[in-house]
Amino acid sequence: MDDASHDLDLSTTVEDDTTVIAVLGEIDLDTVPRLRDAVDAAIAGGSNRLVFDLSQVEFMDSSGISLILATRSAGTDIVLRNPTHAVLRLIEATGLTDVLQVEP
């Protein structure tokens, strides 16, 4: 597998106490540390609410779900915005549709 398959681009915007992290690419075991760094920076910067814009995520595995759940368990309000079909299927398959807040 080539490195291009593990590309992940992130952009972060902040509004009051909410940070929006827009994710482009794949969230997997190889790329989740970069996303974790962005989450940690947002929380360290005072964000109480994180919005993950997942409208351009091609693939997400259990490591992405684990990061989201761990962040939520630590007391941060989490919103998943515009998840792609692949991401939504993972959320549904793991039974987390009633646990995670998903916005169209």
C-alpha atoms as a PDB file:
ATOM      1  CA  MET A   1       0.000   0.000   0.000  1.00  0.00           C
ATOM      2  CA  ASP A   2       1.427   3.382  -0.902  1.00  0.00           C
ATOM      3  CA  ASP A   3       1.641   6.433   1.342  1.00  0.00           C
ATOM      4  CA  ALA A   4      -1.016   8.253  -0.691  1.00  0.00           C
ATOM      5  CA  SER A   5      -3.633   5.897   0.726  1.00  0.00           C
ATOM      6  CA  HIS A   6      -2.895   7.254   4.194  1.00  0.00           C
ATOM      7  CA  ASP A   7      -3.255  10.923   3.419  1.00  0.00           C
ATOM      8  CA  LEU A   8      -5.049  13.042   5.957  1.00  0.00           C
ATOM      9  CA  ASP A   9      -5.534  16.775   5.730  1.00  0.00           C
ATOM     10  CA  LEU A  10      -6.960  18.779   8.604  1.00  0.00           C
ATOM     11  CA  SER A  11      -8.136  22.342   8.886  1.00  0.00           C
ATOM     12  CA  THR A  12      -9.245  23.896  12.132  1.00  0.00           C
ATOM     13  CA  THR A  13     -11.446  26.910  12.785  1.00  0.00           C
ATOM     14  CA  VAL A  14     -12.450  28.295  16.164  1.00  0.00           C
ATOM     15  CA  GLU A  15     -15.639  30.140  17.106  1.00  0.00           C
ATOM     16  CA  ASP A  16     -15.992  31.013  20.786  1.00  0.00           C
ATOM     17  CA  ASP A  17     -15.590  27.737  22.695  1.00  0.00           C
ATOM     18  CA  THR A  18     -16.239  25.527  19.639  1.00  0.00           C
ATOM     19  CA  THR A  19     -13.538  24.135  17.393  1.00  0.00           C
ATOM     20  CA  VAL A  20     -14.423  22.745  13.986  1.00  0.00           C
ATOM     21  CA  ILE A  21     -11.950  20.210  12.644  1.00  0.00           C
ATOM     22  CA  ALA A  22     -12.522  19.524   8.957  1.00  0.00           C
ATOM     23  CA  VAL A  23     -11.064  16.193   7.931  1.00  0.00           C
ATOM     24  CA  LEU A  24     -10.113  15.190   4.381  1.00  0.00           C
ATOM     25  CA  GLY A  25      -8.937  11.691   3.571  1.00  0.00           C
ATOM     26  CA  GLU A  26      -8.742   8.575   5.714  1.00  0.00           C
ATOM     27  CA  ILE A  27      -8.907   8.147   9.466  1.00  0.00           C
ATOM     28  CA  ASP A  28      -7.115   4.950  10.378  1.00  0.00           C
ATOM     29  CA  LEU A  29      -4.401   3.609  12.646  1.00  0.00           C
ATOM     30  CA  ASP A  30      -1.708   5.450  10.664  1.00  0.00           C
ATOM     31  CA  THR A  31      -3.431   8.845  10.551  1.00  0.00           C
ATOM     32  CA  VAL A  32      -5.349   9.007  13.828  1.00  0.00           C
ATOM     33  CA  PRO A  33      -2.314  10.390  15.754  1.00  0.00           C
ATOM     34  CA  ARG A  34      -2.484  13.566  13.625  1.00  0.00           C
ATOM     35  CA  LEU A  35      -6.183  13.910  14.376  1.00  0.00           C
ATOM     36  CA  ARG A  36      -5.503  13.267  18.070  1.00  0.00           C
ATOM     37  CA  ASP A  37      -2.930  16.082  18.037  1.00  0.00           C
ATOM     38  CA  ALA A  38      -5.545  18.453  16.573  1.00  0.00           C
ATOM     39  CA  VAL A  39      -8.094  17.386  19.203  1.00  0.00           C
ATOM     40  CA  ASP A  40      -5.568  17.823  22.020  1.00  0.00           C
ATOM     41  CA  ALA A  41      -4.603  21.279  20.737  1.00  0.00           C
ATOM     42  CA  ALA A  42      -8.270  22.329  20.567  1.00  0.00           C
ATOM     43  CA  ILE A  43      -8.940  21.198  24.114  1.00  0.00           C
ATOM     44  CA  ALA A  44      -5.727  22.796  25.384  1.00  0.00           C
ATOM     45  CA  GLY A  45      -6.868  26.003  23.668  1.00  0.00           C
ATOM     46  CA  GLY A  46     -10.065  26.043  25.720  1.00  0.00           C
ATOM     47  CA  SER A  47     -12.599  24.424  23.404  1.00  0.00           C
ATOM     48  CA  ASN A  48     -15.454  22.736  25.226  1.00  0.00           C
ATOM     49  CA  ARG A  49     -17.132  21.590  22.021  1.00  0.00           C
ATOM     50  CA  LEU A  50     -15.593  19.867  19.021  1.00  0.00           C
ATOM     51  CA  VAL A  51     -17.278  19.552  15.668  1.00  0.00           C
ATOM     52  CA  PHE A  52     -15.750  17.033  13.306  1.00  0.00           C
ATOM     53  CA  ASP A  53     -16.635  17.890   9.702  1.00  0.00           C
ATOM     54  CA  LEU A  54     -16.491  14.439   8.118  1.00  0.00           C
ATOM     55  CA  SER A  55     -17.951  15.361   4.735  1.00  0.00           C
ATOM     56  CA  GLN A  56     -14.719  14.462   2.943  1.00  0.00           C
ATOM     57  CA  VAL A  57     -13.636  11.369   4.862  1.00  0.00           C
ATOM     58  CA  GLU A  58     -13.169   8.469   2.468  1.00  0.00           C
ATOM     59  CA  PHE A  59     -12.610   5.836   5.152  1.00  0.00           C
ATOM     60  CA  MET A  60     -12.636   5.546   8.927  1.00  0.00           C
ATOM     61  CA  ASP A  61     -11.811   2.505  11.011  1.00  0.00           C
ATOM     62  CA  SER A  62     -12.231   1.680  14.691  1.00  0.00           C
ATOM     63  CA  SER A  63      -9.261   3.859  15.671  1.00  0.00           C
ATOM     64  CA  GLY A  64     -11.246   6.922  14.594  1.00  0.00           C
ATOM     65  CA  ILE A  65     -14.270   5.787  16.575  1.00  0.00           C
ATOM     66  CA  SER A  66     -12.033   5.144  19.588  1.00  0.00           C
ATOM     67  CA  LEU A  67     -10.603   8.664  19.430  1.00  0.00           C
ATOM     68  CA  ILE A  68     -14.065  10.211  19.201  1.00  0.00           C
ATOM     69  CA  LEU A  69     -15.394   8.132  22.101  1.00  0.00           C
ATOM     70  CA  ALA A  70     -12.341   8.814  24.280  1.00  0.00           C
ATOM     71  CA  THR A  71     -12.662  12.546  23.664  1.00  0.00           C
ATOM     72  CA  ARG A  72     -16.367  12.412  24.484  1.00  0.00           C
ATOM     73  CA  SER A  73     -15.699  10.371  27.630  1.00  0.00           C
ATOM     74  CA  ALA A  74     -13.227  13.016  28.783  1.00  0.00           C
ATOM     75  CA  GLY A  75     -16.121  15.484  28.934  1.00  0.00           C
ATOM     76  CA  THR A  76     -15.874  17.250  25.589  1.00  0.00           C
ATOM     77  CA  ASP A  77     -19.100  17.817  23.654  1.00  0.00           C
ATOM     78  CA  ILE A  78     -18.696  16.108  20.266  1.00  0.00           C
ATOM     79  CA  VAL A  79     -20.657  16.648  17.049  1.00  0.00           C
ATOM     80  CA  LEU A  80     -20.099  14.709  13.838  1.00  0.00           C
ATOM     81  CA  ARG A  81     -21.063  16.941  10.932  1.00  0.00           C
ATOM     82  CA  ASN A  82     -21.952  15.672   7.465  1.00  0.00           C
ATOM     83  CA  PRO A  83     -20.429  12.194   7.748  1.00  0.00           C
ATOM     84  CA  THR A  84     -19.954  10.405   4.452  1.00  0.00           C
ATOM     85  CA  HIS A  85     -21.892   7.248   3.765  1.00  0.00           C
ATOM     86  CA  ALA A  86     -18.883   5.105   4.716  1.00  0.00           C
ATOM     87  CA  VAL A  87     -18.516   6.855   8.084  1.00  0.00           C
ATOM     88  CA  LEU A  88     -22.241   6.751   8.787  1.00  0.00           C
ATOM     89  CA  ARG A  89     -22.283   3.015   8.072  1.00  0.00           C
ATOM     90  CA  LEU A  90     -19.481   2.512  10.613  1.00  0.00           C
ATOM     91  CA  ILE A  91     -21.369   4.522  13.235  1.00  0.00           C
ATOM     92  CA  GLU A  92     -24.498   2.481  12.585  1.00  0.00           C
ATOM     93  CA  ALA A  93     -22.617  -0.846  12.545  1.00  0.00           C
ATOM     94  CA  THR A  94     -21.046  -0.098  15.924  1.00  0.00           C
ATOM     95  CA  GLY A  95     -24.418   0.812  17.432  1.00  0.00           C
ATOM     96  CA  LEU A  96     -23.363   4.369  18.224  1.00  0.00           C
ATOM     97  CA  THR A  97     -26.167   6.253  16.485  1.00  0.00           C
ATOM     98  CA  ASP A  98     -27.830   6.917  19.844  1.00  0.00           C
ATOM     99  CA  VAL A  99     -24.551   7.818  21.558  1.00  0.00           C
ATOM    100  CA  LEU A 100     -22.944  10.224  19.085  1.00  0.00           C
ATOM    101  CA  GLN A 101     -24.527  13.452  17.900  1.00  0.00           C
ATOM    102  CA  VAL A 102     -24.642  13.457  14.100  1.00  0.00           C
ATOM    103  CA  GLU A 103     -25.627  16.515  12.097  1.00  0.00           C
ATOM    104  CA  PRO A 104     -26.549  16.339   8.426  1.00  0.00           C
END
